[in-house]
Amino acid sequence: MAKGYWIAHGTDNDAEAYKAYQAANAEPLAAFGGKFLVRGGSQTIAEGDARPRTVIIEFETYQAALDCYHSEQYQAAKALREGIASSDLVIVEGYEG
């Protein structure tokens, strides 16, 4: 079964307030088996446009990635991010080639 991934590009407008979102999302991510592969860090935009922060989270299955996002716990955490950060998020199924 293919893994699932959250790929997010974000702009953090209030670093201190963003910490509350990070703390709140830890529980649902752990509950659904989310593992950070990329969490900010240096990046080079080789083509096109991107936001300043990139995050990639791996889940054991695509369904787990979807379920985590739609869970009440994550939606409550996400509400803390609203108004302090902008984000583009794609939930994608991994390639098993």
PDB file of N, CA and C in Angstrom:
ATOM      1  N   MET A   1       0.852  -1.178   0.000  1.00  0.00           N
ATOM      2  CA  MET A   1       0.000   0.000   0.000  1.00  0.00           C
ATOM      3  C   MET A   1       0.897   1.240   0.000  1.00  0.00           C
ATOM      4  N   ALA A   2       0.557   2.211  -0.810  1.00  0.00           N
ATOM      5  CA  ALA A   2       1.365   3.426  -0.952  1.00  0.00           C
ATOM      6  C   ALA A   2       1.286   4.313   0.276  1.00  0.00           C
ATOM      7  N   LYS A   3       2.408   4.938   0.591  1.00  0.00           N
ATOM      8  CA  LYS A   3       2.435   5.908   1.678  1.00  0.00           C
ATOM      9  C   LYS A   3       1.696   7.164   1.238  1.00  0.00           C
ATOM     10  N   GLY A   4       1.399   8.015   2.209  1.00  0.00           N
ATOM     11  CA  GLY A   4       0.774   9.298   1.927  1.00  0.00           C
ATOM     12  C   GLY A   4       1.660  10.413   2.446  1.00  0.00           C
ATOM     13  N   TYR A   5       1.565  11.564   1.823  1.00  0.00           N
ATOM     14  CA  TYR A   5       2.413  12.696   2.186  1.00  0.00           C
ATOM     15  C   TYR A   5       1.611  13.986   2.224  1.00  0.00           C
ATOM     16  N   TRP A   6       1.915  14.812   3.189  1.00  0.00           N
ATOM     17  CA  TRP A   6       1.480  16.201   3.176  1.00  0.00           C
ATOM     18  C   TRP A   6       2.671  16.995   2.675  1.00  0.00           C
ATOM     19  N   ILE A   7       2.451  17.809   1.664  1.00  0.00           N
ATOM     20  CA  ILE A   7       3.480  18.712   1.174  1.00  0.00           C
ATOM     21  C   ILE A   7       2.919  20.117   1.310  1.00  0.00           C
ATOM     22  N   ALA A   8       3.544  20.892   2.187  1.00  0.00           N
ATOM     23  CA  ALA A   8       3.035  22.227   2.495  1.00  0.00           C
ATOM     24  C   ALA A   8       4.092  23.278   2.213  1.00  0.00           C
ATOM     25  N   HIS A   9       3.628  24.388   1.680  1.00  0.00           N
ATOM     26  CA  HIS A   9       4.461  25.573   1.496  1.00  0.00           C
ATOM     27  C   HIS A   9       3.762  26.690   2.251  1.00  0.00           C
ATOM     28  N   GLY A  10       4.478  27.343   3.140  1.00  0.00           N
ATOM     29  CA  GLY A  10       3.830  28.336   3.987  1.00  0.00           C
ATOM     30  C   GLY A  10       4.620  29.607   4.177  1.00  0.00           C
ATOM     31  N   THR A  11       3.891  30.612   4.615  1.00  0.00           N
ATOM     32  CA  THR A  11       4.452  31.898   5.016  1.00  0.00           C
ATOM     33  C   THR A  11       3.970  32.163   6.425  1.00  0.00           C
ATOM     34  N   ASP A  12       4.903  32.302   7.335  1.00  0.00           N
ATOM     35  CA  ASP A  12       4.622  32.521   8.748  1.00  0.00           C
ATOM     36  C   ASP A  12       4.691  34.023   9.019  1.00  0.00           C
ATOM     37  N   ASN A  13       3.561  34.617   9.399  1.00  0.00           N
ATOM     38  CA  ASN A  13       3.513  36.057   9.638  1.00  0.00           C
ATOM     39  C   ASN A  13       3.704  36.435  11.103  1.00  0.00           C
ATOM     40  N   ASP A  14       3.691  35.448  11.999  1.00  0.00           N
ATOM     41  CA  ASP A  14       3.854  35.708  13.429  1.00  0.00           C
ATOM     42  C   ASP A  14       4.504  34.469  14.051  1.00  0.00           C
ATOM     43  N   ALA A  15       5.827  34.486  14.113  1.00  0.00           N
ATOM     44  CA  ALA A  15       6.585  33.315  14.554  1.00  0.00           C
ATOM     45  C   ALA A  15       6.203  32.866  15.956  1.00  0.00           C
ATOM     46  N   GLU A  16       5.946  33.799  16.851  1.00  0.00           N
ATOM     47  CA  GLU A  16       5.601  33.438  18.228  1.00  0.00           C
ATOM     48  C   GLU A  16       4.238  32.762  18.294  1.00  0.00           C
ATOM     49  N   ALA A  17       3.248  33.320  17.622  1.00  0.00           N
ATOM     50  CA  ALA A  17       1.910  32.725  17.618  1.00  0.00           C
ATOM     51  C   ALA A  17       1.894  31.387  16.881  1.00  0.00           C
ATOM     52  N   TYR A  18       2.762  31.221  15.897  1.00  0.00           N
ATOM     53  CA  TYR A  18       2.831  29.984  15.117  1.00  0.00           C
ATOM     54  C   TYR A  18       3.241  28.801  16.003  1.00  0.00           C
ATOM     55  N   LYS A  19       3.976  29.071  17.065  1.00  0.00           N
ATOM     56  CA  LYS A  19       4.412  28.017  17.975  1.00  0.00           C
ATOM     57  C   LYS A  19       3.218  27.296  18.609  1.00  0.00           C
ATOM     58  N   ALA A  20       2.117  28.002  18.834  1.00  0.00           N
ATOM     59  CA  ALA A  20       0.918  27.367  19.397  1.00  0.00           C
ATOM     60  C   ALA A  20       0.344  26.344  18.417  1.00  0.00           C
ATOM     61  N   TYR A  21       0.348  26.673  17.127  1.00  0.00           N
ATOM     62  CA  TYR A  21      -0.104  25.736  16.097  1.00  0.00           C
ATOM     63  C   TYR A  21       0.805  24.508  16.069  1.00  0.00           C
ATOM     64  N   GLN A  22       2.113  24.723  16.104  1.00  0.00           N
ATOM     65  CA  GLN A  22       3.055  23.609  16.067  1.00  0.00           C
ATOM     66  C   GLN A  22       2.844  22.667  17.259  1.00  0.00           C
ATOM     67  N   ALA A  23       2.631  23.246  18.430  1.00  0.00           N
ATOM     68  CA  ALA A  23       2.403  22.424  19.617  1.00  0.00           C
ATOM     69  C   ALA A  23       1.100  21.641  19.500  1.00  0.00           C
ATOM     70  N   ALA A  24       0.062  22.287  18.970  1.00  0.00           N
ATOM     71  CA  ALA A  24      -1.257  21.649  18.867  1.00  0.00           C
ATOM     72  C   ALA A  24      -1.303  20.573  17.791  1.00  0.00           C
ATOM     73  N   ASN A  25      -0.507  20.703  16.728  1.00  0.00           N
ATOM     74  CA  ASN A  25      -0.594  19.696  15.671  1.00  0.00           C
ATOM     75  C   ASN A  25       0.214  18.437  16.000  1.00  0.00           C
ATOM     76  N   ALA A  26       1.052  18.498  17.030  1.00  0.00           N
ATOM     77  CA  ALA A  26       1.886  17.347  17.382  1.00  0.00           C
ATOM     78  C   ALA A  26       1.047  16.116  17.732  1.00  0.00           C
ATOM     79  N   GLU A  27      -0.027  16.305  18.485  1.00  0.00           N
ATOM     80  CA  GLU A  27      -0.845  15.166  18.924  1.00  0.00           C
ATOM     81  C   GLU A  27      -1.542  14.460  17.758  1.00  0.00           C
ATOM     82  N   PRO A  28      -2.275  15.188  16.889  1.00  0.00           N
ATOM     83  CA  PRO A  28      -2.910  14.468  15.787  1.00  0.00           C
ATOM     84  C   PRO A  28      -1.903  13.864  14.810  1.00  0.00           C
ATOM     85  N   LEU A  29      -0.792  14.534  14.565  1.00  0.00           N
ATOM     86  CA  LEU A  29       0.205  13.953  13.664  1.00  0.00           C
ATOM     87  C   LEU A  29       0.735  12.643  14.237  1.00  0.00           C
ATOM     88  N   ALA A  30       1.029  12.617  15.525  1.00  0.00           N
ATOM     89  CA  ALA A  30       1.507  11.392  16.165  1.00  0.00           C
ATOM     90  C   ALA A  30       0.431  10.308  16.149  1.00  0.00           C
ATOM     91  N   ALA A  31      -0.805  10.690  16.402  1.00  0.00           N
ATOM     92  CA  ALA A  31      -1.904   9.721  16.443  1.00  0.00           C
ATOM     93  C   ALA A  31      -2.107   9.016  15.103  1.00  0.00           C
ATOM     94  N   PHE A  32      -1.829   9.715  14.010  1.00  0.00           N
ATOM     95  CA  PHE A  32      -2.018   9.138  12.676  1.00  0.00           C
ATOM     96  C   PHE A  32      -0.692   8.688  12.054  1.00  0.00           C
ATOM     97  N   GLY A  33       0.377   8.690  12.846  1.00  0.00           N
ATOM     98  CA  GLY A  33       1.661   8.172  12.375  1.00  0.00           C
ATOM     99  C   GLY A  33       2.446   9.115  11.490  1.00  0.00           C
ATOM    100  N   GLY A  34       2.178  10.412  11.571  1.00  0.00           N
ATOM    101  CA  GLY A  34       2.896  11.375  10.752  1.00  0.00           C
ATOM    102  C   GLY A  34       4.346  11.523  11.172  1.00  0.00           C
ATOM    103  N   LYS A  35       5.233  11.566  10.192  1.00  0.00           N
ATOM    104  CA  LYS A  35       6.672  11.699  10.437  1.00  0.00           C
ATOM    105  C   LYS A  35       7.210  12.831   9.563  1.00  0.00           C
ATOM    106  N   PHE A  36       7.839  13.813  10.192  1.00  0.00           N
ATOM    107  CA  PHE A  36       8.409  14.929   9.433  1.00  0.00           C
ATOM    108  C   PHE A  36       9.633  14.454   8.654  1.00  0.00           C
ATOM    109  N   LEU A  37       9.620  14.708   7.353  1.00  0.00           N
ATOM    110  CA  LEU A  37      10.782  14.466   6.508  1.00  0.00           C
ATOM    111  C   LEU A  37      11.501  15.784   6.231  1.00  0.00           C
ATOM    112  N   VAL A  38      10.723  16.834   6.103  1.00  0.00           N
ATOM    113  CA  VAL A  38      11.238  18.196   5.910  1.00  0.00           C
ATOM    114  C   VAL A  38      10.419  19.098   6.806  1.00  0.00           C
ATOM    115  N   ARG A  39      11.097  19.973   7.556  1.00  0.00           N
ATOM    116  CA  ARG A  39      10.384  20.886   8.444  1.00  0.00           C
ATOM    117  C   ARG A  39      11.098  22.229   8.424  1.00  0.00           C
ATOM    118  N   GLY A  40      10.797  23.010   7.382  1.00  0.00           N
ATOM    119  CA  GLY A  40      11.489  24.286   7.226  1.00  0.00           C
ATOM    120  C   GLY A  40      12.883  24.021   6.688  1.00  0.00           C
ATOM    121  N   GLY A  41      13.839  24.745   7.175  1.00  0.00           N
ATOM    122  CA  GLY A  41      15.214  24.566   6.726  1.00  0.00           C
ATOM    123  C   GLY A  41      15.510  25.346   5.459  1.00  0.00           C
ATOM    124  N   SER A  42      16.757  25.281   5.066  1.00  0.00           N
ATOM    125  CA  SER A  42      17.206  26.009   3.872  1.00  0.00           C
ATOM    126  C   SER A  42      16.556  25.425   2.629  1.00  0.00           C
ATOM    127  N   GLN A  43      16.252  26.288   1.692  1.00  0.00           N
ATOM    128  CA  GLN A  43      15.714  25.826   0.418  1.00  0.00           C
ATOM    129  C   GLN A  43      16.174  26.745  -0.691  1.00  0.00           C
ATOM    130  N   THR A  44      16.272  26.200  -1.874  1.00  0.00           N
ATOM    131  CA  THR A  44      16.617  26.941  -3.067  1.00  0.00           C
ATOM    132  C   THR A  44      15.476  26.774  -4.047  1.00  0.00           C
ATOM    133  N   ILE A  45      14.905  27.857  -4.484  1.00  0.00           N
ATOM    134  CA  ILE A  45      13.824  27.794  -5.472  1.00  0.00           C
ATOM    135  C   ILE A  45      14.487  27.731  -6.845  1.00  0.00           C
ATOM    136  N   ALA A  46      14.495  26.545  -7.436  1.00  0.00           N
ATOM    137  CA  ALA A  46      15.163  26.335  -8.708  1.00  0.00           C
ATOM    138  C   ALA A  46      14.283  26.735  -9.890  1.00  0.00           C
ATOM    139  N   GLU A  47      12.965  26.618  -9.743  1.00  0.00           N
ATOM    140  CA  GLU A  47      12.029  26.989 -10.806  1.00  0.00           C
ATOM    141  C   GLU A  47      10.729  27.459 -10.179  1.00  0.00           C
ATOM    142  N   GLY A  48      10.074  28.386 -10.818  1.00  0.00           N
ATOM    143  CA  GLY A  48       8.762  28.843 -10.373  1.00  0.00           C
ATOM    144  C   GLY A  48       8.812  29.643  -9.083  1.00  0.00           C
ATOM    145  N   ASP A  49       7.699  29.608  -8.361  1.00  0.00           N
ATOM    146  CA  ASP A  49       7.554  30.357  -7.121  1.00  0.00           C
ATOM    147  C   ASP A  49       7.289  29.394  -5.973  1.00  0.00           C
ATOM    148  N   ALA A  50       7.649  29.816  -4.774  1.00  0.00           N
ATOM    149  CA  ALA A  50       7.356  29.029  -3.579  1.00  0.00           C
ATOM    150  C   ALA A  50       7.310  29.962  -2.384  1.00  0.00           C
ATOM    151  N   ARG A  51       6.649  29.526  -1.360  1.00  0.00           N
ATOM    152  CA  ARG A  51       6.632  30.274  -0.108  1.00  0.00           C
ATOM    153  C   ARG A  51       7.942  29.994   0.636  1.00  0.00           C
ATOM    154  N   PRO A  52       8.245  30.791   1.661  1.00  0.00           N
ATOM    155  CA  PRO A  52       9.533  30.653   2.348  1.00  0.00           C
ATOM    156  C   PRO A  52       9.725  29.375   3.163  1.00  0.00           C
ATOM    157  N   ARG A  53       8.657  28.665   3.505  1.00  0.00           N
ATOM    158  CA  ARG A  53       8.781  27.483   4.372  1.00  0.00           C
ATOM    159  C   ARG A  53       8.167  26.278   3.673  1.00  0.00           C
ATOM    160  N   THR A  54       8.895  25.166   3.656  1.00  0.00           N
ATOM    161  CA  THR A  54       8.407  23.919   3.086  1.00  0.00           C
ATOM    162  C   THR A  54       8.398  22.844   4.167  1.00  0.00           C
ATOM    163  N   VAL A  55       7.305  22.082   4.218  1.00  0.00           N
ATOM    164  CA  VAL A  55       7.175  20.980   5.175  1.00  0.00           C
ATOM    165  C   VAL A  55       6.671  19.762   4.409  1.00  0.00           C
ATOM    166  N   ILE A  56       7.294  18.610   4.661  1.00  0.00           N
ATOM    167  CA  ILE A  56       6.824  17.345   4.092  1.00  0.00           C
ATOM    168  C   ILE A  56       6.663  16.367   5.249  1.00  0.00           C
ATOM    169  N   ILE A  57       5.460  15.804   5.366  1.00  0.00           N
ATOM    170  CA  ILE A  57       5.156  14.846   6.420  1.00  0.00           C
ATOM    171  C   ILE A  57       4.728  13.543   5.760  1.00  0.00           C
ATOM    172  N   GLU A  58       5.331  12.442   6.197  1.00  0.00           N
ATOM    173  CA  GLU A  58       5.040  11.116   5.649  1.00  0.00           C
ATOM    174  C   GLU A  58       4.097  10.356   6.577  1.00  0.00           C
ATOM    175  N   PHE A  59       3.145   9.651   5.983  1.00  0.00           N
ATOM    176  CA  PHE A  59       2.220   8.769   6.698  1.00  0.00           C
ATOM    177  C   PHE A  59       2.337   7.376   6.104  1.00  0.00           C
ATOM    178  N   GLU A  60       2.013   6.362   6.890  1.00  0.00           N
ATOM    179  CA  GLU A  60       2.126   4.982   6.414  1.00  0.00           C
ATOM    180  C   GLU A  60       1.226   4.695   5.214  1.00  0.00           C
ATOM    181  N   THR A  61       0.083   5.391   5.130  1.00  0.00           N
ATOM    182  CA  THR A  61      -0.821   5.206   3.989  1.00  0.00           C
ATOM    183  C   THR A  61      -1.396   6.560   3.568  1.00  0.00           C
ATOM    184  N   TYR A  62      -1.849   6.607   2.343  1.00  0.00           N
ATOM    185  CA  TYR A  62      -2.527   7.794   1.830  1.00  0.00           C
ATOM    186  C   TYR A  62      -3.787   8.073   2.649  1.00  0.00           C
ATOM    187  N   GLN A  63      -4.501   7.001   3.022  1.00  0.00           N
ATOM    188  CA  GLN A  63      -5.722   7.171   3.806  1.00  0.00           C
ATOM    189  C   GLN A  63      -5.425   7.776   5.174  1.00  0.00           C
ATOM    190  N   ALA A  64      -4.327   7.372   5.806  1.00  0.00           N
ATOM    191  CA  ALA A  64      -3.950   7.951   7.099  1.00  0.00           C
ATOM    192  C   ALA A  64      -3.658   9.444   6.957  1.00  0.00           C
ATOM    193  N   ALA A  65      -3.038   9.829   5.849  1.00  0.00           N
ATOM    194  CA  ALA A  65      -2.756  11.245   5.604  1.00  0.00           C
ATOM    195  C   ALA A  65      -4.062  12.032   5.473  1.00  0.00           C
ATOM    196  N   LEU A  66      -5.023  11.482   4.754  1.00  0.00           N
ATOM    197  CA  LEU A  66      -6.332  12.131   4.603  1.00  0.00           C
ATOM    198  C   LEU A  66      -7.070  12.181   5.936  1.00  0.00           C
ATOM    199  N   ASP A  67      -7.071  11.062   6.646  1.00  0.00           N
ATOM    200  CA  ASP A  67      -7.793  10.982   7.919  1.00  0.00           C
ATOM    201  C   ASP A  67      -7.225  11.965   8.941  1.00  0.00           C
ATOM    202  N   CYS A  68      -5.921  12.103   8.977  1.00  0.00           N
ATOM    203  CA  CYS A  68      -5.309  13.047   9.913  1.00  0.00           C
ATOM    204  C   CYS A  68      -5.776  14.464   9.606  1.00  0.00           C
ATOM    205  N   TYR A  69      -5.714  14.849   8.338  1.00  0.00           N
ATOM    206  CA  TYR A  69      -6.111  16.212   7.969  1.00  0.00           C
ATOM    207  C   TYR A  69      -7.562  16.491   8.358  1.00  0.00           C
ATOM    208  N   HIS A  70      -8.432  15.545   8.127  1.00  0.00           N
ATOM    209  CA  HIS A  70      -9.860  15.750   8.386  1.00  0.00           C
ATOM    210  C   HIS A  70     -10.269  15.483   9.834  1.00  0.00           C
ATOM    211  N   SER A  71      -9.336  15.046  10.666  1.00  0.00           N
ATOM    212  CA  SER A  71      -9.669  14.759  12.058  1.00  0.00           C
ATOM    213  C   SER A  71     -10.029  16.027  12.828  1.00  0.00           C
ATOM    214  N   GLU A  72     -10.864  15.862  13.838  1.00  0.00           N
ATOM    215  CA  GLU A  72     -11.239  16.994  14.687  1.00  0.00           C
ATOM    216  C   GLU A  72     -10.011  17.608  15.351  1.00  0.00           C
ATOM    217  N   GLN A  73      -9.078  16.754  15.773  1.00  0.00           N
ATOM    218  CA  GLN A  73      -7.870  17.238  16.445  1.00  0.00           C
ATOM    219  C   GLN A  73      -7.049  18.147  15.532  1.00  0.00           C
ATOM    220  N   TYR A  74      -6.831  17.704  14.288  1.00  0.00           N
ATOM    221  CA  TYR A  74      -6.023  18.541  13.396  1.00  0.00           C
ATOM    222  C   TYR A  74      -6.770  19.808  13.007  1.00  0.00           C
ATOM    223  N   GLN A  75      -8.059  19.709  12.770  1.00  0.00           N
ATOM    224  CA  GLN A  75      -8.822  20.903  12.398  1.00  0.00           C
ATOM    225  C   GLN A  75      -8.790  21.948  13.516  1.00  0.00           C
ATOM    226  N   ALA A  76      -8.778  21.499  14.778  1.00  0.00           N
ATOM    227  CA  ALA A  76      -8.653  22.438  15.901  1.00  0.00           C
ATOM    228  C   ALA A  76      -7.276  23.089  15.893  1.00  0.00           C
ATOM    229  N   ALA A  77      -6.234  22.316  15.602  1.00  0.00           N
ATOM    230  CA  ALA A  77      -4.885  22.882  15.510  1.00  0.00           C
ATOM    231  C   ALA A  77      -4.800  23.872  14.352  1.00  0.00           C
ATOM    232  N   LYS A  78      -5.356  23.490  13.225  1.00  0.00           N
ATOM    233  CA  LYS A  78      -5.339  24.344  12.031  1.00  0.00           C
ATOM    234  C   LYS A  78      -5.994  25.693  12.306  1.00  0.00           C
ATOM    235  N   ALA A  79      -7.034  25.708  13.106  1.00  0.00           N
ATOM    236  CA  ALA A  79      -7.718  26.965  13.439  1.00  0.00           C
ATOM    237  C   ALA A  79      -6.768  27.941  14.139  1.00  0.00           C
ATOM    238  N   LEU A  80      -5.785  27.431  14.855  1.00  0.00           N
ATOM    239  CA  LEU A  80      -4.801  28.292  15.514  1.00  0.00           C
ATOM    240  C   LEU A  80      -3.876  28.977  14.511  1.00  0.00           C
ATOM    241  N   ARG A  81      -3.715  28.375  13.344  1.00  0.00           N
ATOM    242  CA  ARG A  81      -2.839  28.906  12.296  1.00  0.00           C
ATOM    243  C   ARG A  81      -3.510  30.000  11.474  1.00  0.00           C
ATOM    244  N   GLU A  82      -4.834  29.980  11.436  1.00  0.00           N
ATOM    245  CA  GLU A  82      -5.574  30.931  10.612  1.00  0.00           C
ATOM    246  C   GLU A  82      -5.323  32.358  11.077  1.00  0.00           C
ATOM    247  N   GLY A  83      -4.995  33.217  10.127  1.00  0.00           N
ATOM    248  CA  GLY A  83      -4.743  34.619  10.421  1.00  0.00           C
ATOM    249  C   GLY A  83      -3.304  34.936  10.779  1.00  0.00           C
ATOM    250  N   ILE A  84      -2.500  33.908  11.077  1.00  0.00           N
ATOM    251  CA  ILE A  84      -1.095  34.161  11.414  1.00  0.00           C
ATOM    252  C   ILE A  84      -0.133  33.564  10.384  1.00  0.00           C
ATOM    253  N   ALA A  85      -0.654  32.724   9.495  1.00  0.00           N
ATOM    254  CA  ALA A  85       0.175  32.095   8.470  1.00  0.00           C
ATOM    255  C   ALA A  85      -0.683  31.772   7.255  1.00  0.00           C
ATOM    256  N   SER A  86      -0.044  31.758   6.096  1.00  0.00           N
ATOM    257  CA  SER A  86      -0.697  31.348   4.854  1.00  0.00           C
ATOM    258  C   SER A  86      -0.033  30.063   4.398  1.00  0.00           C
ATOM    259  N   SER A  87      -0.832  29.151   3.861  1.00  0.00           N
ATOM    260  CA  SER A  87      -0.268  27.858   3.501  1.00  0.00           C
ATOM    261  C   SER A  87      -0.953  27.274   2.276  1.00  0.00           C
ATOM    262  N   ASP A  88      -0.169  26.571   1.483  1.00  0.00           N
ATOM    263  CA  ASP A  88      -0.677  25.735   0.403  1.00  0.00           C
ATOM    264  C   ASP A  88      -0.336  24.309   0.814  1.00  0.00           C
ATOM    265  N   LEU A  89      -1.319  23.420   0.817  1.00  0.00           N
ATOM    266  CA  LEU A  89      -1.094  22.048   1.265  1.00  0.00           C
ATOM    267  C   LEU A  89      -1.667  21.079   0.231  1.00  0.00           C
ATOM    268  N   VAL A  90      -0.846  20.112  -0.143  1.00  0.00           N
ATOM    269  CA  VAL A  90      -1.275  19.040  -1.023  1.00  0.00           C
ATOM    270  C   VAL A  90      -1.099  17.734  -0.263  1.00  0.00           C
ATOM    271  N   ILE A  91      -2.117  16.881  -0.303  1.00  0.00           N
ATOM    272  CA  ILE A  91      -2.014  15.542   0.261  1.00  0.00           C
ATOM    273  C   ILE A  91      -1.902  14.614  -0.928  1.00  0.00           C
ATOM    274  N   VAL A  92      -0.811  13.866  -0.991  1.00  0.00           N
ATOM    275  CA  VAL A  92      -0.511  13.104  -2.191  1.00  0.00           C
ATOM    276  C   VAL A  92      -0.174  11.659  -1.844  1.00  0.00           C
ATOM    277  N   GLU A  93      -0.549  10.759  -2.742  1.00  0.00           N
ATOM    278  CA  GLU A  93      -0.239   9.352  -2.595  1.00  0.00           C
ATOM    279  C   GLU A  93       1.166   9.097  -3.122  1.00  0.00           C
ATOM    280  N   GLY A  94       1.954   8.337  -2.367  1.00  0.00           N
ATOM    281  CA  GLY A  94       3.320   8.021  -2.779  1.00  0.00           C
ATOM    282  C   GLY A  94       3.349   7.087  -3.979  1.00  0.00           C
ATOM    283  N   TYR A  95       4.486   7.046  -4.605  1.00  0.00           N
ATOM    284  CA  TYR A  95       4.716   6.201  -5.796  1.00  0.00           C
ATOM    285  C   TYR A  95       5.373   4.899  -5.358  1.00  0.00           C
ATOM    286  N   GLU A  96       4.822   3.803  -5.803  1.00  0.00           N
ATOM    287  CA  GLU A  96       5.369   2.501  -5.429  1.00  0.00           C
ATOM    288  C   GLU A  96       6.145   1.847  -6.541  1.00  0.00           C
ATOM    289  N   GLY A  97       6.221   2.492  -7.715  1.00  0.00           N
ATOM    290  CA  GLY A  97       6.938   2.063  -8.905  1.00  0.00           C
ATOM    291  C   GLY A  97       7.621   0.783  -8.818  1.00  0.00           C
TER     292      GLY A  97
END
